[in-house]
Each structure stands twice: as structure tokens, then as C-alpha cells.
Amino acid sequence: MSEKKTGVLGGFKAFLMRGNVIDLAVAVVIGAAFTNIVNSVVKGVINPVVGAFGTKDLGNYAACLKGPCSRNSAGEVTAGVYIQWGTVLSATLTFIITAAVVYFLMLLPMKRWQDRQAARKPAEPASAKVTEIELLEQIRDALTEQRRGPEPETVPAQR
């Protein structure tokens, strides 16, 4: 005999055991690990390339909005108002790299695989199923015929 678990704990267990919740948990864990990889690529590869033209840390790129602007030896703003566009650039590069890796290494191969799987399956005949529009047209015609009633029989004219 199998009984359905009811109550708060039974509902919670059913919620947790749904496939999409488990998939979401796996995605969050993998996403956190993937974020570390992307951040390492930005800090270890992209920032040094940018550093060849200026400073190695993109966070140091800033513009003085209201001056006079000055910073202490730790890089903290002591006077003035800075717009720190370097941190925005770094975050943008991280996003673009993440999006490119997800698209080219995950989504594109998955789509190609799904297309190959769909091509292997035989196509279903489209004419076998009656579409909703065709069904509605048949109902309309039947109702119109009911309203009119049976057509009167014509009697041949006698001469």
C-alpha cells in the first residue's frame, strides 16, 4: 500500500524532489564555480593585457568629476568625487566573457545535439491531426445547417 504524504513536510519533500528545483540547485553551484574561473581569466589575462597600455588593475581607472581630487597611498579617495569607470569596464568584460563561454561552449553544442536528435526521429504526418481551426469550421458548418433545417425537396414540374 502506498500512501500519499500530506502535510507540511510531505509537501516540502515533493517540492524538493521536483526535477526543476534540483536542476536549479546544480546550476547555482556550477555557476558559482564558473564565476571563479571567469574572474581568474579577467584578473590573470585581461587585466595584464589592459595593463600593458596603462595600469594593471582596472579598478584604478577613474575620472575626477568634482575636484580637486586626491587619493591616499591605499587608493582611497580623500578629496573630490571620482567616477570609477574602470570597475564598470572590468565587470562588463567579465559579463561578456561569461556570456560568450556559456553560449559557445554550452548552448550552441546543446542546440546542435538537439537538432541531430530531432533529425533522427521520423517526422509525424501533419495531415493526420485535425487542427483547431478546421474543427471550428466543421462545427460552424454543422450549426449553420441546423438553423436552415433540411432543404425542401424539389418536385419535378409536370408538363
C-alpha atoms as a PDB file:
ATOM      1  CA  MET A   1       0.000   0.000   0.000  1.00  0.00           C
ATOM      2  CA  SER A   2       1.322   3.395  -0.886  1.00  0.00           C
ATOM      3  CA  GLU A   3       0.002   6.379   0.942  1.00  0.00           C
ATOM      4  CA  LYS A   4       0.462   9.940  -0.163  1.00  0.00           C
ATOM      5  CA  LYS A   5       2.344  12.011   2.376  1.00  0.00           C
ATOM      6  CA  THR A   6       0.361  15.044   3.282  1.00  0.00           C
ATOM      7  CA  GLY A   7       1.107  17.977   5.452  1.00  0.00           C
ATOM      8  CA  VAL A   8       3.918  20.469   5.513  1.00  0.00           C
ATOM      9  CA  LEU A   9       6.822  18.006   5.416  1.00  0.00           C
ATOM     10  CA  GLY A  10       5.285  15.903   2.649  1.00  0.00           C
ATOM     11  CA  GLY A  11       4.670  18.980   0.514  1.00  0.00           C
ATOM     12  CA  PHE A  12       8.186  20.231   1.184  1.00  0.00           C
ATOM     13  CA  LYS A  13       9.667  16.872   0.151  1.00  0.00           C
ATOM     14  CA  ALA A  14       7.580  16.866  -3.045  1.00  0.00           C
ATOM     15  CA  PHE A  15       8.785  20.401  -3.791  1.00  0.00           C
ATOM     16  CA  LEU A  16      12.437  19.452  -3.298  1.00  0.00           C
ATOM     17  CA  MET A  17      12.190  16.296  -5.367  1.00  0.00           C
ATOM     18  CA  ARG A  18      10.824  18.065  -8.421  1.00  0.00           C
ATOM     19  CA  GLY A  19      13.364  17.993 -11.217  1.00  0.00           C
ATOM     20  CA  ASN A  20      13.480  21.720 -11.829  1.00  0.00           C
ATOM     21  CA  VAL A  21      14.392  22.519  -8.202  1.00  0.00           C
ATOM     22  CA  ILE A  22      17.293  20.062  -8.263  1.00  0.00           C
ATOM     23  CA  ASP A  23      18.414  21.382 -11.665  1.00  0.00           C
ATOM     24  CA  LEU A  24      18.335  24.919 -10.302  1.00  0.00           C
ATOM     25  CA  ALA A  25      20.455  23.943  -7.298  1.00  0.00           C
ATOM     26  CA  VAL A  26      23.020  22.286  -9.566  1.00  0.00           C
ATOM     27  CA  ALA A  27      23.051  25.364 -11.811  1.00  0.00           C
ATOM     28  CA  VAL A  28      23.724  27.660  -8.850  1.00  0.00           C
ATOM     29  CA  VAL A  29      26.642  25.526  -7.643  1.00  0.00           C
ATOM     30  CA  ILE A  30      28.166  25.259 -11.114  1.00  0.00           C
ATOM     31  CA  GLY A  31      27.559  28.971 -11.697  1.00  0.00           C
ATOM     32  CA  ALA A  32      29.453  29.863  -8.525  1.00  0.00           C
ATOM     33  CA  ALA A  33      32.401  27.709  -9.573  1.00  0.00           C
ATOM     34  CA  PHE A  34      32.263  29.112 -13.100  1.00  0.00           C
ATOM     35  CA  THR A  35      32.304  32.670 -11.728  1.00  0.00           C
ATOM     36  CA  ASN A  36      35.633  31.942 -10.058  1.00  0.00           C
ATOM     37  CA  ILE A  37      37.066  30.725 -13.365  1.00  0.00           C
ATOM     38  CA  VAL A  38      35.889  33.812 -15.250  1.00  0.00           C
ATOM     39  CA  ASN A  39      37.161  36.156 -12.544  1.00  0.00           C
ATOM     40  CA  SER A  40      40.553  34.419 -12.716  1.00  0.00           C
ATOM     41  CA  VAL A  41      40.657  34.851 -16.503  1.00  0.00           C
ATOM     42  CA  VAL A  42      39.823  38.546 -16.197  1.00  0.00           C
ATOM     43  CA  LYS A  43      42.367  39.152 -13.429  1.00  0.00           C
ATOM     44  CA  GLY A  44      45.072  36.900 -14.854  1.00  0.00           C
ATOM     45  CA  VAL A  45      44.751  37.512 -18.600  1.00  0.00           C
ATOM     46  CA  ILE A  46      42.563  40.504 -19.479  1.00  0.00           C
ATOM     47  CA  ASN A  47      43.820  42.906 -16.804  1.00  0.00           C
ATOM     48  CA  PRO A  48      47.519  42.340 -17.674  1.00  0.00           C
ATOM     49  CA  VAL A  49      46.750  42.942 -21.371  1.00  0.00           C
ATOM     50  CA  VAL A  50      44.993  46.180 -20.457  1.00  0.00           C
ATOM     51  CA  GLY A  51      47.856  46.862 -18.049  1.00  0.00           C
ATOM     52  CA  ALA A  52      50.272  46.848 -20.969  1.00  0.00           C
ATOM     53  CA  PHE A  53      48.622  50.118 -22.022  1.00  0.00           C
ATOM     54  CA  GLY A  54      48.117  51.578 -18.554  1.00  0.00           C
ATOM     55  CA  THR A  55      47.648  50.275 -15.040  1.00  0.00           C
ATOM     56  CA  LYS A  56      47.240  46.548 -14.356  1.00  0.00           C
ATOM     57  CA  ASP A  57      44.224  46.980 -12.090  1.00  0.00           C
ATOM     58  CA  LEU A  58      41.169  48.222 -13.987  1.00  0.00           C
ATOM     59  CA  GLY A  59      39.748  49.497 -10.698  1.00  0.00           C
ATOM     60  CA  ASN A  60      42.361  52.283 -10.760  1.00  0.00           C
ATOM     61  CA  TYR A  61      40.848  53.831 -13.889  1.00  0.00           C
ATOM     62  CA  ALA A  62      38.752  56.775 -12.738  1.00  0.00           C
ATOM     63  CA  ALA A  63      37.845  60.278 -13.751  1.00  0.00           C
ATOM     64  CA  CYS A  64      37.613  63.249 -11.400  1.00  0.00           C
ATOM     65  CA  LEU A  65      34.073  64.610 -11.539  1.00  0.00           C
ATOM     66  CA  LYS A  66      34.383  67.356  -8.951  1.00  0.00           C
ATOM     67  CA  GLY A  67      37.830  68.448  -7.915  1.00  0.00           C
ATOM     68  CA  PRO A  68      40.358  68.875  -6.648  1.00  0.00           C
ATOM     69  CA  CYS A  69      40.624  65.090  -6.445  1.00  0.00           C
ATOM     70  CA  SER A  70      43.205  63.175  -4.465  1.00  0.00           C
ATOM     71  CA  ARG A  71      43.772  59.651  -3.168  1.00  0.00           C
ATOM     72  CA  ASN A  72      45.915  58.273  -0.368  1.00  0.00           C
ATOM     73  CA  SER A  73      48.550  55.549  -0.786  1.00  0.00           C
ATOM     74  CA  ALA A  74      45.898  52.791  -0.363  1.00  0.00           C
ATOM     75  CA  GLY A  75      43.934  54.193  -3.316  1.00  0.00           C
ATOM     76  CA  GLU A  76      41.051  55.515  -1.245  1.00  0.00           C
ATOM     77  CA  VAL A  77      39.508  58.822  -2.269  1.00  0.00           C
ATOM     78  CA  THR A  78      40.414  61.555   0.189  1.00  0.00           C
ATOM     79  CA  ALA A  79      39.078  64.581  -1.676  1.00  0.00           C
ATOM     80  CA  GLY A  80      36.821  65.193  -4.646  1.00  0.00           C
ATOM     81  CA  VAL A  81      34.331  62.964  -6.448  1.00  0.00           C
ATOM     82  CA  TYR A  82      35.573  60.187  -8.729  1.00  0.00           C
ATOM     83  CA  ILE A  83      33.709  58.265 -11.402  1.00  0.00           C
ATOM     84  CA  GLN A  84      35.346  54.840 -11.303  1.00  0.00           C
ATOM     85  CA  TRP A  85      34.726  53.647 -14.825  1.00  0.00           C
ATOM     86  CA  GLY A  86      37.456  51.000 -14.588  1.00  0.00           C
ATOM     87  CA  THR A  87      35.392  48.808 -12.286  1.00  0.00           C
ATOM     88  CA  VAL A  88      32.452  49.079 -14.678  1.00  0.00           C
ATOM     89  CA  LEU A  89      34.736  48.093 -17.572  1.00  0.00           C
ATOM     90  CA  SER A  90      36.033  45.113 -15.593  1.00  0.00           C
ATOM     91  CA  ALA A  91      32.502  43.941 -14.746  1.00  0.00           C
ATOM     92  CA  THR A  92      31.442  44.387 -18.375  1.00  0.00           C
ATOM     93  CA  LEU A  93      34.378  42.314 -19.616  1.00  0.00           C
ATOM     94  CA  THR A  94      33.556  39.618 -17.065  1.00  0.00           C
ATOM     95  CA  PHE A  95      29.942  39.549 -18.256  1.00  0.00           C
ATOM     96  CA  ILE A  96      30.894  39.371 -21.945  1.00  0.00           C
ATOM     97  CA  ILE A  97      33.379  36.559 -21.331  1.00  0.00           C
ATOM     98  CA  THR A  98      30.828  34.650 -19.244  1.00  0.00           C
ATOM     99  CA  ALA A  99      28.112  35.084 -21.862  1.00  0.00           C
ATOM    100  CA  ALA A 100      30.464  34.002 -24.676  1.00  0.00           C
ATOM    101  CA  VAL A 101      31.582  30.880 -22.826  1.00  0.00           C
ATOM    102  CA  VAL A 102      28.020  29.921 -21.911  1.00  0.00           C
ATOM    103  CA  TYR A 103      26.824  30.447 -25.485  1.00  0.00           C
ATOM    104  CA  PHE A 104      29.697  28.886 -27.421  1.00  0.00           C
ATOM    105  CA  LEU A 105      30.603  26.068 -25.048  1.00  0.00           C
ATOM    106  CA  MET A 106      27.198  25.164 -23.612  1.00  0.00           C
ATOM    107  CA  LEU A 107      24.176  26.436 -25.534  1.00  0.00           C
ATOM    108  CA  LEU A 108      25.420  26.065 -29.109  1.00  0.00           C
ATOM    109  CA  PRO A 109      26.625  22.447 -28.702  1.00  0.00           C
ATOM    110  CA  MET A 110      23.384  21.564 -26.875  1.00  0.00           C
ATOM    111  CA  LYS A 111      21.290  23.052 -29.687  1.00  0.00           C
ATOM    112  CA  ARG A 112      23.280  21.155 -32.305  1.00  0.00           C
ATOM    113  CA  TRP A 113      22.836  17.926 -30.344  1.00  0.00           C
ATOM    114  CA  GLN A 114      19.078  18.519 -30.026  1.00  0.00           C
ATOM    115  CA  ASP A 115      18.836  19.245 -33.767  1.00  0.00           C
ATOM    116  CA  ARG A 116      20.647  15.959 -34.534  1.00  0.00           C
ATOM    117  CA  GLN A 117      18.325  14.066 -32.184  1.00  0.00           C
ATOM    118  CA  ALA A 118      15.269  15.646 -33.810  1.00  0.00           C
ATOM    119  CA  ALA A 119      16.575  14.767 -37.282  1.00  0.00           C
ATOM    120  CA  ARG A 120      16.884  11.097 -36.284  1.00  0.00           C
ATOM    121  CA  LYS A 121      13.234  10.821 -35.262  1.00  0.00           C
ATOM    122  CA  PRO A 122      10.756  10.173 -38.070  1.00  0.00           C
ATOM    123  CA  ALA A 123       8.523  13.118 -38.807  1.00  0.00           C
ATOM    124  CA  GLU A 124       4.848  12.755 -37.913  1.00  0.00           C
ATOM    125  CA  PRO A 125       2.410  13.373 -40.735  1.00  0.00           C
ATOM    126  CA  ALA A 126       0.935  16.813 -40.282  1.00  0.00           C
ATOM    127  CA  SER A 127      -2.333  15.998 -42.053  1.00  0.00           C
ATOM    128  CA  ALA A 128      -3.231  13.229 -39.593  1.00  0.00           C
ATOM    129  CA  LYS A 129      -4.255  15.670 -36.902  1.00  0.00           C
ATOM    130  CA  VAL A 130      -7.249  17.930 -37.331  1.00  0.00           C
ATOM    131  CA  THR A 131      -6.284  21.465 -36.481  1.00  0.00           C
ATOM    132  CA  GLU A 132      -8.349  23.565 -34.140  1.00  0.00           C
ATOM    133  CA  ILE A 133      -9.368  25.883 -36.958  1.00  0.00           C
ATOM    134  CA  GLU A 134     -10.603  23.004 -39.106  1.00  0.00           C
ATOM    135  CA  LEU A 135     -12.593  21.637 -36.165  1.00  0.00           C
ATOM    136  CA  LEU A 136     -14.170  25.035 -35.523  1.00  0.00           C
ATOM    137  CA  GLU A 137     -15.077  25.353 -39.216  1.00  0.00           C
ATOM    138  CA  GLN A 138     -16.796  21.961 -39.099  1.00  0.00           C
ATOM    139  CA  ILE A 139     -18.786  22.991 -36.005  1.00  0.00           C
ATOM    140  CA  ARG A 140     -19.761  26.276 -37.683  1.00  0.00           C
ATOM    141  CA  ASP A 141     -20.965  24.479 -40.809  1.00  0.00           C
ATOM    142  CA  ALA A 142     -22.990  21.976 -38.745  1.00  0.00           C
ATOM    143  CA  LEU A 143     -24.665  24.780 -36.756  1.00  0.00           C
ATOM    144  CA  THR A 144     -25.477  26.699 -39.937  1.00  0.00           C
ATOM    145  CA  GLU A 145     -27.026  23.597 -41.436  1.00  0.00           C
ATOM    146  CA  GLN A 146     -29.125  23.052 -38.285  1.00  0.00           C
ATOM    147  CA  ARG A 147     -30.530  26.584 -38.407  1.00  0.00           C
ATOM    148  CA  ARG A 148     -31.575  26.296 -42.011  1.00  0.00           C
ATOM    149  CA  GLY A 149     -33.271  22.975 -41.497  1.00  0.00           C
ATOM    150  CA  PRO A 150     -33.472  20.291 -44.146  1.00  0.00           C
ATOM    151  CA  GLU A 151     -33.584  21.607 -47.663  1.00  0.00           C
ATOM    152  CA  PRO A 152     -37.017  21.143 -49.271  1.00  0.00           C
ATOM    153  CA  GLU A 153     -37.220  18.505 -51.919  1.00  0.00           C
ATOM    154  CA  THR A 154     -37.983  19.868 -55.308  1.00  0.00           C
ATOM    155  CA  VAL A 155     -40.825  18.282 -57.180  1.00  0.00           C
ATOM    156  CA  PRO A 156     -40.204  17.931 -60.876  1.00  0.00           C
ATOM    157  CA  ALA A 157     -42.521  20.095 -62.903  1.00  0.00           C
ATOM    158  CA  GLN A 158     -45.129  18.188 -64.842  1.00  0.00           C
ATOM    159  CA  ARG A 159     -45.961  19.166 -68.364  1.00  0.00           C
END
